[in-house]
Amino acid sequence: MVSNVSNLAQPQPAAKSKPQPTTDAAAQTKPPPAPGTTVKISKAASTALQESRETPAQTAKEARSGDMQATRLLAKEAAAKAATNG
């Protein structure tokens, strides 16, 4: 059953503030980045990131050239599509 809620307060838009003019002095007073903030990721993580950004066309091309990971991914996607289409 659906019932209407009529006593909810509507959110008010935030007040607009005037943009602060930027000056060269303000830009030059930024503190230097803290040491030790550099992050290194492993080769496996880098490979996983690259694979996640891969286009479907690139995956299909790799599968045709014998890439087993791409072949498994295409098979998994085809099975999921078949399951949703009945």
Protein backbone atom coordinates (compact mmCIF):
# COMPACT_ATOMS: atom_id res chain seq x y z
CA MET A 1 0.00 0.00 0.00
CA VAL A 2 1.25 3.47 -0.85
CA SER A 3 0.48 6.50 1.28
CA ASN A 4 1.40 10.10 0.67
CA VAL A 5 3.63 11.94 3.09
CA SER A 6 2.69 15.59 3.17
CA ASN A 7 4.44 16.98 6.22
CA LEU A 8 8.01 16.72 4.91
CA ALA A 9 10.02 19.93 4.87
CA GLN A 10 11.39 20.84 1.49
CA PRO A 11 15.16 21.41 1.43
CA GLN A 12 16.11 25.02 0.96
CA PRO A 13 18.75 25.88 -1.64
CA ALA A 14 22.10 26.86 -0.18
CA ALA A 15 22.93 30.53 -0.10
CA LYS A 16 25.21 31.54 -2.92
CA SER A 17 28.48 33.03 -1.79
CA LYS A 18 30.41 35.57 -3.76
CA PRO A 19 33.42 34.05 -5.49
CA GLN A 20 36.68 35.15 -3.95
CA PRO A 21 39.05 36.85 -6.37
CA THR A 22 42.18 34.81 -6.74
CA THR A 23 45.52 36.48 -6.50
CA ASP A 24 48.99 35.27 -7.30
CA ALA A 25 49.95 35.67 -3.64
CA ALA A 26 47.20 33.27 -2.56
CA ALA A 27 48.31 30.70 -5.11
CA GLN A 28 51.93 30.96 -3.97
CA THR A 29 51.14 30.44 -0.28
CA LYS A 30 49.93 26.86 -0.74
CA PRO A 31 51.86 24.48 1.48
CA PRO A 32 53.99 21.90 -0.30
CA PRO A 33 52.52 18.40 -0.51
CA ALA A 34 53.20 16.25 2.50
CA PRO A 35 56.06 13.79 2.06
CA GLY A 36 55.11 10.16 1.80
CA THR A 37 51.82 10.66 -0.03
CA THR A 38 53.02 8.78 -3.11
CA VAL A 39 51.17 5.53 -3.68
CA LYS A 40 52.57 2.62 -5.66
CA ILE A 41 50.29 -0.15 -6.84
CA SER A 42 51.36 -3.65 -7.68
CA LYS A 43 51.69 -4.95 -11.21
CA ALA A 44 48.64 -7.17 -10.62
CA ALA A 45 46.56 -4.20 -9.50
CA SER A 46 47.76 -2.18 -12.46
CA THR A 47 46.80 -5.00 -14.83
CA ALA A 48 43.39 -5.34 -13.19
CA LEU A 49 42.79 -1.60 -13.56
CA GLN A 50 43.77 -1.73 -17.22
CA GLU A 51 41.44 -4.68 -17.83
CA SER A 52 38.55 -2.86 -16.13
CA ARG A 53 38.97 0.12 -18.47
CA GLU A 54 39.06 -2.05 -21.56
CA THR A 55 36.32 -1.55 -24.13
CA PRO A 56 34.10 -4.47 -25.22
CA ALA A 57 35.62 -4.23 -28.70
CA GLN A 58 39.12 -4.57 -27.27
CA THR A 59 38.02 -7.56 -25.15
CA ALA A 60 36.54 -9.26 -28.22
CA LYS A 61 39.72 -8.61 -30.20
CA GLU A 62 41.85 -10.11 -27.45
CA ALA A 63 39.55 -13.13 -27.17
CA ARG A 64 39.88 -13.77 -30.90
CA SER A 65 43.66 -13.67 -30.60
CA GLY A 66 43.65 -16.32 -27.87
CA ASP A 67 43.56 -14.31 -24.62
CA MET A 68 41.99 -16.77 -22.15
CA GLN A 69 40.95 -14.07 -19.67
CA ALA A 70 39.08 -12.20 -22.41
CA THR A 71 37.50 -15.45 -23.61
CA ARG A 72 36.25 -16.25 -20.09
CA LEU A 73 34.88 -12.72 -19.69
CA LEU A 74 32.97 -12.92 -22.98
CA ALA A 75 31.58 -16.35 -22.00
CA LYS A 76 30.51 -15.00 -18.61
CA GLU A 77 28.81 -11.99 -20.21
CA ALA A 78 27.04 -14.21 -22.77
CA ALA A 79 25.77 -16.50 -20.01
CA ALA A 80 24.49 -13.55 -18.00
CA LYS A 81 22.74 -12.13 -21.06
CA ALA A 82 21.15 -15.52 -21.83
CA ALA A 83 19.94 -15.81 -18.22
CA THR A 84 18.27 -12.38 -18.30
CA ASN A 85 16.65 -12.92 -21.70
CA GLY A 86 15.08 -16.21 -20.66
